[in-house]
Protein backbone atom coordinates (compact mmCIF):
# COMPACT_ATOMS: atom_id res chain seq x y z
CA UNK A 1 -44.97 -56.47 -31.60
CA UNK A 2 -45.58 -56.37 -27.83
CA UNK A 3 -42.11 -57.73 -27.18
CA UNK A 4 -40.58 -55.04 -29.37
CA UNK A 5 -42.47 -52.25 -27.61
CA UNK A 6 -41.42 -53.57 -24.19
CA UNK A 7 -37.77 -53.71 -25.28
CA UNK A 8 -37.98 -50.16 -26.60
CA UNK A 9 -39.33 -48.86 -23.29
CA UNK A 10 -36.50 -50.59 -21.40
CA UNK A 11 -33.89 -49.06 -23.68
CA UNK A 12 -35.40 -45.60 -23.26
CA UNK A 13 -35.47 -46.00 -19.47
CA UNK A 14 -31.86 -47.20 -19.40
CA UNK A 15 -30.80 -44.30 -21.59
CA UNK A 16 -32.46 -41.75 -19.32
CA UNK A 17 -30.83 -43.31 -16.27
CA UNK A 18 -27.41 -43.13 -17.88
CA UNK A 19 -27.98 -39.50 -18.85
CA UNK A 20 -29.04 -38.59 -15.30
CA UNK A 21 -25.93 -40.28 -13.92
CA UNK A 22 -23.71 -38.34 -16.30
CA UNK A 23 -25.36 -35.06 -15.38
CA UNK A 24 -24.97 -35.85 -11.69
CA UNK A 25 -21.29 -36.62 -12.08
CA UNK A 26 -20.76 -33.44 -14.04
CA UNK A 27 -22.80 -31.23 -11.71
CA UNK A 28 -21.12 -27.82 -11.42
CA UNK A 29 -21.98 -24.44 -9.98
CA UNK A 30 -22.02 -21.24 -12.07
CA UNK A 31 -18.21 -21.07 -12.21
CA UNK A 32 -17.94 -24.58 -13.67
CA UNK A 33 -16.04 -26.23 -10.80
CA UNK A 34 -16.78 -29.85 -9.93
CA UNK A 35 -18.40 -30.45 -6.53
CA UNK A 36 -16.67 -33.12 -4.46
CA UNK A 37 -18.22 -33.05 -0.96
CA UNK A 38 -20.15 -30.91 1.52
CA UNK A 39 -19.44 -30.55 5.27
CA UNK A 40 -21.03 -28.43 7.99
CA UNK A 41 -17.81 -27.27 9.70
CA UNK A 42 -15.82 -24.27 8.48
CA UNK A 43 -12.18 -24.94 7.53
CA UNK A 44 -9.50 -23.40 9.79
CA UNK A 45 -7.56 -20.29 8.76
CA UNK A 46 -4.64 -20.80 6.40
CA UNK A 47 -1.28 -21.19 8.15
CA UNK A 48 1.64 -18.88 7.36
CA UNK A 49 4.73 -20.59 5.96
CA UNK A 50 7.75 -20.04 3.72
CA UNK A 51 8.03 -21.51 0.24
CA UNK A 52 10.84 -24.09 -0.26
CA UNK A 53 13.11 -23.60 -3.28
CA UNK A 54 11.94 -24.93 -6.63
CA UNK A 55 13.61 -28.35 -7.13
CA UNK A 56 14.20 -28.04 -10.90
CA UNK A 57 13.02 -26.06 -13.94
CA UNK A 58 9.48 -26.81 -15.05
CA UNK A 59 7.96 -27.37 -11.60
CA UNK A 60 4.94 -25.24 -10.67
CA UNK A 61 3.86 -24.29 -7.18
CA UNK A 62 0.65 -25.84 -5.84
CA UNK A 63 -0.39 -24.10 -2.59
CA UNK A 64 -1.41 -26.00 0.52
CA UNK A 65 -5.01 -26.25 1.70
CA UNK A 66 -7.27 -27.86 4.30
CA UNK A 67 -8.82 -31.15 3.15
CA UNK A 68 -11.56 -33.16 4.84
CA UNK A 69 -11.08 -36.72 6.11
CA UNK A 70 -12.63 -39.19 8.55
CA UNK A 71 -11.05 -37.32 11.49
CA UNK A 72 -11.92 -33.84 10.29
CA UNK A 73 -9.77 -31.29 8.52
CA UNK A 74 -6.13 -32.08 7.79
CA UNK A 75 -3.49 -29.96 6.11
CA UNK A 76 -2.25 -30.84 2.62
CA UNK A 77 1.22 -29.23 2.43
CA UNK A 78 2.01 -26.91 -0.44
CA UNK A 79 4.52 -28.42 -2.86
CA UNK A 80 6.23 -28.13 -6.26
CA UNK A 81 4.57 -30.28 -8.94
CA UNK A 82 5.33 -31.14 -12.56
CA UNK A 83 2.23 -30.40 -14.67
CA UNK A 84 0.77 -33.25 -16.75
CA UNK A 85 1.65 -31.33 -19.93
CA UNK A 86 3.55 -28.12 -20.72
CA UNK A 87 1.54 -24.92 -21.21
CA UNK A 88 -0.81 -25.88 -18.35
CA UNK A 89 -1.41 -23.88 -15.16
CA UNK A 90 -2.90 -24.94 -11.84
CA UNK A 91 -6.21 -23.58 -10.53
CA UNK A 92 -6.28 -24.27 -6.76
CA UNK A 93 -9.28 -25.92 -5.15
CA UNK A 94 -11.28 -23.97 -2.58
CA UNK A 95 -14.05 -24.22 0.00
CA UNK A 96 -17.23 -22.26 -0.70
CA UNK A 97 -20.34 -21.63 1.39
CA UNK A 98 -23.56 -22.91 -0.20
CA UNK A 99 -26.99 -23.68 1.27
CA UNK A 100 -25.80 -23.90 4.88
CA UNK A 101 -22.74 -26.06 4.19
CA UNK A 102 -19.13 -25.79 3.04
CA UNK A 103 -18.58 -27.22 -0.42
CA UNK A 104 -15.19 -28.32 -1.75
CA UNK A 105 -14.41 -27.49 -5.38
CA UNK A 106 -11.30 -29.45 -6.48
CA UNK A 107 -8.41 -27.86 -8.34
CA UNK A 108 -7.45 -28.69 -11.92
CA UNK A 109 -4.90 -28.09 -14.67
CA UNK A 110 -5.88 -25.95 -17.67
CA UNK A 111 -4.35 -23.45 -20.14
CA UNK A 112 -5.74 -20.58 -18.04
CA UNK A 113 -6.28 -20.15 -14.32
CA UNK A 114 -9.96 -20.13 -13.43
CA UNK A 115 -11.91 -19.03 -10.39
CA UNK A 116 -10.77 -20.31 -6.99
CA UNK A 117 -13.05 -18.42 -4.62
CA UNK A 118 -10.92 -15.32 -4.21
CA UNK A 119 -8.81 -17.17 -1.60
CA UNK A 120 -5.38 -15.61 -1.01
CA UNK A 121 -3.08 -18.64 -0.95
CA UNK A 122 0.06 -16.53 -1.46
CA UNK A 123 3.09 -17.12 -3.69
CA UNK A 124 1.37 -15.89 -6.83
CA UNK A 125 -2.15 -17.07 -5.97
CA UNK A 126 -3.60 -13.88 -4.50
CA UNK A 127 -7.27 -14.57 -5.13
CA UNK A 128 -7.50 -13.92 -8.89
CA UNK A 129 -5.30 -15.44 -11.58
CA UNK A 130 -1.66 -16.36 -11.10
CA UNK A 131 1.27 -13.94 -10.80
CA UNK A 132 4.00 -16.56 -10.38
CA UNK A 133 5.04 -16.94 -14.02
CA UNK A 134 4.02 -17.87 -17.55
CA UNK A 135 4.71 -20.40 -20.31
CA UNK A 136 6.56 -19.52 -23.51
CA UNK A 137 7.87 -22.00 -26.07
CA UNK A 138 7.14 -24.86 -23.67
CA UNK A 139 9.38 -23.33 -21.01
CA UNK A 140 8.13 -21.78 -17.78
CA UNK A 141 9.42 -18.34 -16.79
CA UNK A 142 9.38 -17.72 -13.02
CA UNK A 143 8.58 -14.45 -11.33
CA UNK A 144 11.32 -14.28 -8.73
CA UNK A 145 9.35 -11.69 -6.75
CA UNK A 146 7.00 -14.45 -5.57
CA UNK A 147 8.92 -17.70 -6.17
CA UNK A 148 11.93 -19.07 -4.33
CA UNK A 149 14.35 -19.81 -7.18
CA UNK A 150 17.53 -19.09 -5.22
CA UNK A 151 18.89 -22.65 -4.84
CA UNK A 152 18.59 -23.96 -8.40
CA UNK A 153 20.05 -23.35 -11.84
CA UNK A 154 16.79 -21.90 -13.17
CA UNK A 155 17.67 -19.36 -15.84
CA UNK A 156 14.19 -18.45 -17.10
CA UNK A 157 13.38 -15.86 -14.47
CA UNK A 158 12.10 -12.32 -14.47
CA UNK A 159 11.19 -9.80 -11.83
CA UNK A 160 8.07 -7.69 -11.45
CA UNK A 161 7.09 -5.30 -8.71
CA UNK A 162 7.25 -6.81 -5.24
CA UNK A 163 3.95 -8.32 -4.17
CA UNK A 164 2.83 -10.06 -1.01
CA UNK A 165 4.16 -13.57 -1.36
CA UNK A 166 2.90 -14.76 2.02
CA UNK A 167 -0.79 -14.86 2.57
CA UNK A 168 -2.07 -12.03 4.75
CA UNK A 169 -5.81 -12.69 4.61
CA UNK A 170 -5.86 -16.17 6.15
CA UNK A 171 -9.58 -16.85 5.56
CA UNK A 172 -9.74 -20.23 3.83
CA UNK A 173 -13.27 -20.29 2.36
CA UNK A 174 -15.46 -18.16 0.11
CA UNK A 175 -18.91 -16.76 0.84
CA UNK A 176 -21.13 -17.21 3.87
CA UNK A 177 -20.57 -15.65 7.29
CA UNK A 178 -16.94 -14.60 7.64
CA UNK A 179 -15.83 -15.89 4.24
CA UNK A 180 -14.18 -14.12 1.33
CA UNK A 181 -16.64 -12.10 -0.74
CA UNK A 182 -15.65 -12.96 -4.33
CA UNK A 183 -17.45 -13.66 -7.58
CA UNK A 184 -15.99 -15.03 -10.82
CA UNK A 185 -15.17 -12.48 -13.49
CA UNK A 186 -16.29 -12.80 -17.09
CA UNK A 187 -12.88 -14.13 -18.06
CA UNK A 188 -12.88 -16.66 -15.22
CA UNK A 189 -16.36 -17.85 -16.14
CA UNK A 190 -15.20 -18.36 -19.72
CA UNK A 191 -12.12 -20.24 -18.50
CA UNK A 192 -14.41 -22.66 -16.64
CA UNK A 193 -15.43 -24.22 -19.97
CA UNK A 194 -11.90 -24.88 -21.21
CA UNK A 195 -10.45 -28.41 -21.37
CA UNK A 196 -9.29 -29.61 -17.95
CA UNK A 197 -6.89 -32.11 -16.52
CA UNK A 198 -7.43 -33.55 -13.07
CA UNK A 199 -4.73 -33.61 -10.41
CA UNK A 200 -1.77 -35.81 -11.29
CA UNK A 201 -1.12 -39.15 -9.62
CA UNK A 202 1.70 -37.51 -7.64
CA UNK A 203 -0.76 -34.95 -6.28
CA UNK A 204 -3.34 -37.56 -5.28
CA UNK A 205 -0.63 -39.63 -3.56
CA UNK A 206 0.51 -36.47 -1.80
CA UNK A 207 -2.99 -35.92 -0.41
CA UNK A 208 -3.36 -39.56 0.64
CA UNK A 209 -0.02 -39.47 2.48
CA UNK A 210 -1.02 -36.22 4.24
CA UNK A 211 -4.26 -37.82 5.45
CA UNK A 212 -2.20 -40.47 7.27
CA UNK A 213 -0.03 -37.94 9.12
CA UNK A 214 -1.61 -37.42 12.53
CA UNK A 215 0.29 -34.19 13.18
CA UNK A 216 -1.37 -32.70 10.08
CA UNK A 217 -4.85 -33.00 11.62
CA UNK A 218 -6.27 -29.60 12.52
CA UNK A 219 -7.44 -30.90 15.91
CA UNK A 220 -3.85 -31.91 16.68
CA UNK A 221 -1.76 -29.04 15.29
CA UNK A 222 -4.27 -26.28 16.15
CA UNK A 223 -3.84 -24.70 12.74
CA UNK A 224 -0.01 -24.71 12.77
CA UNK A 225 1.12 -27.91 11.01
CA UNK A 226 4.71 -29.05 11.44
CA UNK A 227 4.84 -29.88 7.71
CA UNK A 228 3.39 -26.85 5.95
CA UNK A 229 5.26 -27.18 2.63
CA UNK A 230 7.52 -29.73 0.91
CA UNK A 231 9.99 -29.50 -2.00
CA UNK A 232 8.21 -32.32 -3.88
CA UNK A 233 4.97 -34.29 -3.50
CA UNK A 234 5.08 -36.80 -0.64
CA UNK A 235 8.56 -35.69 0.52
CA UNK A 236 7.49 -35.20 4.14
CA UNK A 237 10.88 -36.18 5.59
CA UNK A 238 13.17 -34.73 2.91
CA UNK A 239 15.50 -31.75 3.42
CA UNK A 240 13.71 -28.51 2.73
CA UNK A 241 10.47 -29.36 4.53
CA UNK A 242 9.00 -26.17 5.99
CA UNK A 243 6.92 -25.84 9.16
CA UNK A 244 4.22 -23.24 9.70
CA UNK A 245 5.12 -20.09 11.54
CA UNK A 246 3.33 -19.22 14.74
CA UNK A 247 0.21 -17.50 13.45
CA UNK A 248 -1.70 -14.63 15.05
CA UNK A 249 -5.16 -13.31 14.24
CA UNK A 250 -6.07 -12.92 10.55
CA UNK A 251 -4.23 -10.03 8.96
CA UNK A 252 -1.80 -9.56 11.86
CA UNK A 253 1.19 -11.10 10.10
CA UNK A 254 2.94 -8.55 7.87
CA UNK A 255 3.82 -9.62 4.35
CA UNK A 256 7.43 -10.85 4.00
CA UNK A 257 9.76 -11.70 1.15
CA UNK A 258 10.73 -15.34 1.66
CA UNK A 259 12.79 -15.58 4.87
CA UNK A 260 13.13 -11.87 5.53
CA UNK A 261 13.65 -11.03 9.20
CA UNK A 262 11.21 -8.62 10.89
CA UNK A 263 12.51 -5.03 11.33
CA UNK A 264 13.74 -3.85 14.69
CA UNK A 265 11.26 -1.94 16.84
CA UNK A 266 11.81 1.87 16.69
CA UNK A 267 12.32 3.86 19.91
CA UNK A 268 9.23 5.49 21.46
CA UNK A 269 8.18 8.70 19.75
CA UNK A 270 9.66 11.80 21.36
CA UNK A 271 12.48 9.96 23.11
CA UNK A 272 16.08 9.67 21.98
CA UNK A 273 17.93 6.44 22.77
CA UNK A 274 20.92 7.14 24.97
CA UNK A 275 24.30 5.41 24.63
CA UNK A 276 24.49 1.94 26.12
CA UNK A 277 27.40 2.82 28.42
CA UNK A 278 25.60 5.75 30.04
CA UNK A 279 24.68 4.93 33.64
CA UNK A 280 21.72 6.80 35.12
CA UNK A 281 22.20 7.43 38.92
CA UNK A 282 19.22 6.74 41.19
CA UNK A 283 17.03 9.67 42.12
CA UNK A 284 17.91 9.42 45.83
CA UNK A 285 21.67 9.58 45.28
CA UNK A 286 23.22 12.94 46.43
CA UNK A 287 25.02 15.04 43.83
CA UNK A 288 28.80 14.59 43.73
CA UNK A 289 30.93 17.01 45.77
CA UNK A 290 32.68 19.72 43.83
CA UNK A 291 36.19 20.84 44.68
CA UNK A 292 36.44 24.50 45.95
CA UNK A 293 37.81 26.96 43.40
CA UNK A 294 41.39 28.24 43.96
CA UNK A 295 41.78 31.48 45.89
CA UNK A 296 42.22 34.58 43.80
CA UNK A 297 44.25 37.66 44.91
CA UNK A 298 42.19 40.70 46.03
CA UNK A 299 41.37 43.30 43.41
CA UNK A 300 40.56 46.97 43.80
CA UNK A 301 36.99 48.04 43.69
CA UNK A 302 33.79 47.18 45.56
CA UNK A 303 33.39 43.71 47.03
CA UNK A 304 37.02 42.92 46.33
CA UNK A 305 37.91 42.21 49.96
CA UNK A 306 37.28 38.72 51.30
CA UNK A 307 35.20 38.23 54.43
CA UNK A 308 36.96 39.25 57.68
CA UNK A 309 37.53 35.65 58.82
CA UNK A 310 39.17 34.75 55.55
CA UNK A 311 41.22 37.98 55.22
CA UNK A 312 44.77 37.23 54.08
CA UNK A 313 47.77 38.24 56.15
CA UNK A 314 48.79 41.88 56.19
CA UNK A 315 51.22 42.96 53.50
CA UNK A 316 54.78 43.91 54.36
CA UNK A 317 55.32 47.46 55.63
CA UNK A 318 56.80 50.12 53.45
CA UNK A 319 60.30 51.53 54.07
CA UNK A 320 58.79 54.55 55.86
CA UNK A 321 57.18 52.16 58.41
CA UNK A 322 53.61 52.98 57.46
CA UNK A 323 50.94 50.52 56.37
CA UNK A 324 49.42 51.24 52.98
CA UNK A 325 46.07 52.98 53.19
CA UNK A 326 42.98 51.00 52.40
CA UNK A 327 40.63 52.08 49.60
CA UNK A 328 38.59 55.07 50.71
CA UNK A 329 35.30 53.30 49.89
CA UNK A 330 36.06 50.54 52.33
CA UNK A 331 35.93 52.96 55.36
CA UNK A 332 33.22 55.48 56.24
CA UNK A 333 34.12 59.13 55.43
CA UNK A 334 35.05 61.55 58.26
CA UNK A 335 32.20 63.72 59.49
CA UNK A 336 32.02 66.71 61.85
CA UNK A 337 30.17 66.54 65.17
CA UNK A 338 27.03 67.96 63.58
CA UNK A 339 26.95 65.04 61.10
CA UNK A 340 27.78 67.05 57.94
CA UNK A 341 30.83 66.48 55.75
CA UNK A 342 33.66 69.08 56.05
CA UNK A 343 33.03 70.55 52.60
CA UNK A 344 29.48 71.53 53.65
CA UNK A 345 30.42 73.52 56.78
CA UNK A 346 29.29 77.08 57.01
């Protein structure tokens, strides 16, 4: 009897230990995401990069993110991935602030996109849900407004209103000082309890290969990795690899559609651009000399005679030998000795 009771206590203790281990492995916050690790250093801002073309139909975009390794944060390039099964969508992982540390919640595959911290990863992942496409009859239909489907024979495409397909808010973590202020919606909380599939073996190999690339370390690339996105997992040297653009402060980079060039700067307000061939003379240069106007013949009437020094030669005399009389207003009238005109004499 004593032996049986002792064996029963051991079995109960072993069962409780196994249950505690299972609960610890399945520990999740309110949104249902698995907790992987906790660090005390904030992840860098998200780099700005272009999306490479989709390699073939059926691939889904998995955005890049900052992962933690022995040497600190390193960039995991965004890439196109085949889901483990059709009808599944990817919920990106995210960093969240909790109890004085930054907690990593890994991504997963599921029929619906769950909560990913409100992080704006771009290209359909704008903080809530996924705007990059949908499954129908085991075929994925791409939203060409946010996906680069220009270099493939993908026929299942549609177009919605243009949305920002490059991340503008580059904050890479949720909550805490300076993080994204987001909470899971009712629908996202319900999606947290749906069946999940972990990252595929291609995705895990992609992360492992990125951890061995020294130029992907944040302390080396200063937040601008030379390999920001790849056409397929692990294809770090393949054609189509995209580097990060030079990034400014958060929110300074305007949203762009794929490789759209920035618009030209307008002229200053209130000024009209002059033609390129117009030469502006210096302020100290004298004005150009103007040719004198041609001489005009004298006309009758006041101020018709030129100045005395410039008076033209006398006209030819008449047949009677007299010079023609000048206009009466050009000479003073005759006056009598007393100063009065002749018509006013007494």
